[in-house]
Amino acid sequence: MKNKNSVFIGASLDGYIADKNGGLEWLDMIPNPDNESLGYFEFTENIDALVMGRTTFETVLGFDVDWPYTKPVFVLSNSLNTIPKSHEGKAFLVKGTLTEVLEHIHQKGYHRLYIDGGTTIQNFLKEDLIDEMIITTIPILLGGGYPLFAELPKVLEFELAGSKVYLNQLTSRHYVRKRID
């Protein structure tokens, strides 16, 4: 099976994925009375597992909801030594270089990965390990916060594979990495 690393994330018009305090409330600023999935459920049907950083993992643990994932979650961390007992068997700690981590995950049979969390996405991009990105833009300027993108060692070209508008306000763009084989 072909390995594929995908991003699915919401961002402000000015490219932030969290506000200056790490807040995410603004992601829900557009009313969604019918609880449309905004493409998320369709996206997750095509992944085997998630890879996220410690900060994103701890943020999700802090949400006042049941564990939202049905697929295994691999948590990248050099500072965590264990996963909380409440999430054993759902989340797994992984350490090492991104290449080592991916090799470990692929050996477990997971090949289509959802890469989540700002620093994690940035690090995957720095090593040119992202194959596609679905970015949904929320019509707000945060004026600062946690950026989706950071400086890269080289230019990475993507091409637009499709776009959709949700709730007549949110624009979702699907980009695929252009690679020369």
Protein backbone atom coordinates (compact mmCIF):
# COMPACT_ATOMS: atom_id res chain seq x y z
CA MET A 1 0.00 0.00 0.00
CA LYS A 2 1.22 3.49 -0.85
CA ASN A 3 2.08 5.70 2.09
CA LYS A 4 0.26 9.04 2.26
CA ASN A 5 0.52 11.88 4.77
CA SER A 6 -2.46 14.25 4.79
CA VAL A 7 -3.36 17.46 6.59
CA PHE A 8 -6.95 18.52 7.35
CA ILE A 9 -7.08 21.80 9.24
CA GLY A 10 -8.91 25.07 9.72
CA ALA A 11 -7.09 28.40 9.50
CA SER A 12 -7.93 32.08 9.76
CA LEU A 13 -7.68 34.39 6.74
CA ASP A 14 -4.26 35.47 8.03
CA GLY A 15 -3.02 31.88 8.35
CA TYR A 16 -3.37 31.11 12.06
CA ILE A 17 -4.64 27.82 13.48
CA ALA A 18 -5.05 29.08 17.06
CA ASP A 19 -5.37 32.56 18.51
CA LYS A 20 -2.71 34.33 20.63
CA ASN A 21 -3.85 32.39 23.71
CA GLY A 22 -4.03 29.05 21.92
CA GLY A 23 -7.82 29.38 21.72
CA LEU A 24 -9.88 27.64 19.06
CA GLU A 25 -13.36 29.05 19.76
CA TRP A 26 -13.24 31.17 16.59
CA LEU A 27 -13.27 27.95 14.51
CA ASP A 28 -16.98 27.67 15.39
CA MET A 29 -17.91 31.30 14.66
CA ILE A 30 -20.06 30.36 11.65
CA PRO A 31 -23.32 28.75 12.82
CA ASN A 32 -23.68 25.12 11.79
CA PRO A 33 -27.25 24.25 12.88
CA ASP A 34 -27.32 20.94 10.97
CA ASN A 35 -23.89 19.88 12.29
CA GLU A 36 -22.46 19.42 8.80
CA SER A 37 -19.13 17.59 8.92
CA LEU A 38 -17.52 20.17 6.61
CA GLY A 39 -15.69 17.34 4.87
CA TYR A 40 -14.10 15.92 8.03
CA PHE A 41 -15.94 12.58 8.12
CA GLU A 42 -15.30 11.97 4.43
CA PHE A 43 -11.62 12.76 5.00
CA THR A 44 -11.26 10.45 8.00
CA GLU A 45 -12.83 7.55 6.11
CA ASN A 46 -9.66 7.53 4.02
CA ILE A 47 -7.07 7.50 6.81
CA ASP A 48 -5.66 4.66 8.90
CA ALA A 49 -4.27 6.61 11.86
CA LEU A 50 -3.41 10.08 13.17
CA VAL A 51 -0.04 11.58 14.04
CA MET A 52 -0.06 14.62 16.32
CA GLY A 53 2.24 16.46 18.64
CA ARG A 54 2.02 16.54 22.43
CA THR A 55 0.46 20.02 22.52
CA THR A 56 -2.36 19.01 20.17
CA PHE A 57 -2.88 15.78 22.12
CA GLU A 58 -3.11 17.69 25.41
CA THR A 59 -5.47 20.23 23.81
CA VAL A 60 -7.80 17.43 22.66
CA LEU A 61 -7.66 15.84 26.12
CA GLY A 62 -8.81 19.19 27.53
CA PHE A 63 -11.95 19.33 25.35
CA ASP A 64 -15.15 18.60 27.25
CA VAL A 65 -16.06 15.73 24.89
CA ASP A 66 -15.52 12.01 24.64
CA TRP A 67 -12.35 10.92 22.82
CA PRO A 68 -13.18 12.02 19.25
CA TYR A 69 -11.06 9.50 17.33
CA THR A 70 -11.94 5.97 16.26
CA LYS A 71 -8.53 5.35 14.69
CA PRO A 72 -5.18 4.99 16.48
CA VAL A 73 -3.46 8.23 17.45
CA PHE A 74 0.35 8.39 17.50
CA VAL A 75 1.65 11.19 19.72
CA LEU A 76 5.06 12.69 18.93
CA SER A 77 6.78 13.81 22.10
CA ASN A 78 10.25 14.01 23.55
CA SER A 79 8.91 15.08 26.96
CA LEU A 80 6.01 12.67 27.60
CA ASN A 81 6.99 9.28 29.00
CA THR A 82 3.55 7.67 29.10
CA ILE A 83 0.06 8.10 27.72
CA PRO A 84 -2.61 8.69 30.40
CA LYS A 85 -4.20 5.39 31.50
CA SER A 86 -7.58 6.65 30.25
CA HIS A 87 -6.22 6.68 26.68
CA GLU A 88 -4.03 3.57 26.64
CA GLY A 89 -4.89 1.51 23.57
CA LYS A 90 -6.23 4.65 21.83
CA ALA A 91 -3.09 6.79 21.75
CA PHE A 92 0.51 5.64 21.45
CA LEU A 93 3.69 7.53 22.22
CA VAL A 94 6.29 7.68 19.43
CA LYS A 95 9.79 9.15 19.51
CA GLY A 96 12.63 9.59 17.06
CA THR A 97 13.16 11.33 13.75
CA LEU A 98 10.09 11.70 11.55
CA THR A 99 11.50 9.07 9.19
CA GLU A 100 11.94 6.62 12.11
CA VAL A 101 8.47 7.41 13.43
CA LEU A 102 6.87 6.87 10.01
CA GLU A 103 8.76 3.61 9.53
CA HIS A 104 7.50 2.40 12.93
CA ILE A 105 3.89 3.35 12.12
CA HIS A 106 4.04 1.81 8.64
CA GLN A 107 5.38 -1.45 10.11
CA LYS A 108 2.22 -1.57 12.23
CA GLY A 109 0.15 -1.51 9.02
CA TYR A 110 -0.90 2.16 9.00
CA HIS A 111 -0.07 3.87 5.72
CA ARG A 112 -2.59 6.69 5.21
CA LEU A 113 -1.87 9.16 7.99
CA TYR A 114 -3.64 12.30 9.19
CA ILE A 115 -0.94 14.74 10.34
CA ASP A 116 -2.32 17.21 12.90
CA GLY A 117 -0.99 20.08 15.00
CA GLY A 118 0.88 23.21 14.02
CA THR A 119 4.45 22.26 14.92
CA THR A 120 3.95 18.70 13.68
CA ILE A 121 2.64 19.91 10.31
CA GLN A 122 5.49 22.43 10.04
CA ASN A 123 8.08 19.74 10.81
CA PHE A 124 6.59 17.33 8.26
CA LEU A 125 6.64 20.13 5.66
CA LYS A 126 10.28 20.96 6.48
CA GLU A 127 11.15 17.37 5.57
CA ASP A 128 8.81 17.37 2.54
CA LEU A 129 6.65 14.61 4.04
CA ILE A 130 3.17 16.04 3.33
CA ASP A 131 1.36 14.64 0.29
CA GLU A 132 -1.89 16.58 0.51
CA MET A 133 -3.47 19.39 2.53
CA ILE A 134 -7.12 20.25 2.98
CA ILE A 135 -7.26 23.74 4.47
CA THR A 136 -10.57 25.29 5.43
CA THR A 137 -10.41 29.07 5.77
CA ILE A 138 -12.58 30.74 8.39
CA PRO A 139 -13.37 34.39 7.51
CA ILE A 140 -11.63 36.07 10.43
CA LEU A 141 -8.36 37.94 10.87
CA LEU A 142 -6.81 36.96 14.21
CA GLY A 143 -3.88 39.36 13.94
CA GLY A 144 -1.55 36.85 15.56
CA GLY A 145 -1.44 33.45 17.14
CA TYR A 146 -0.09 30.06 16.13
CA PRO A 147 0.69 30.03 12.40
CA LEU A 148 -0.05 27.10 10.14
CA PHE A 149 3.16 27.57 8.16
CA ALA A 150 6.75 28.39 9.08
CA GLU A 151 9.97 28.95 7.19
CA LEU A 152 10.95 26.05 4.92
CA PRO A 153 14.39 24.98 3.67
CA LYS A 154 13.08 24.83 0.09
CA VAL A 155 10.05 25.71 -2.01
CA LEU A 156 7.30 23.05 -2.03
CA GLU A 157 4.83 23.16 -4.90
CA PHE A 158 1.25 22.00 -4.51
CA GLU A 159 -1.59 22.01 -7.00
CA LEU A 160 -5.24 22.62 -6.34
CA ALA A 161 -7.18 19.36 -6.57
CA GLY A 162 -10.55 20.84 -5.62
CA SER A 163 -12.40 23.38 -3.54
CA LYS A 164 -15.74 23.56 -1.75
CA VAL A 165 -17.71 26.16 0.14
CA TYR A 166 -19.40 25.13 3.37
CA LEU A 167 -22.13 27.02 5.21
CA ASN A 168 -21.86 29.71 2.51
CA GLN A 169 -18.86 31.12 4.42
CA LEU A 170 -16.03 28.59 4.76
CA THR A 171 -13.74 27.80 1.84
CA SER A 172 -12.09 24.41 1.82
CA ARG A 173 -9.21 23.90 -0.60
CA HIS A 174 -7.64 20.53 -1.34
CA TYR A 175 -3.99 20.71 -2.43
CA VAL A 176 -1.82 17.82 -3.63
CA ARG A 177 1.97 17.90 -3.53
CA LYS A 178 3.50 18.24 -7.00
CA ARG A 179 6.35 15.78 -7.22
CA ILE A 180 8.65 15.04 -10.11
CA ASP A 181 9.04 11.28 -10.36
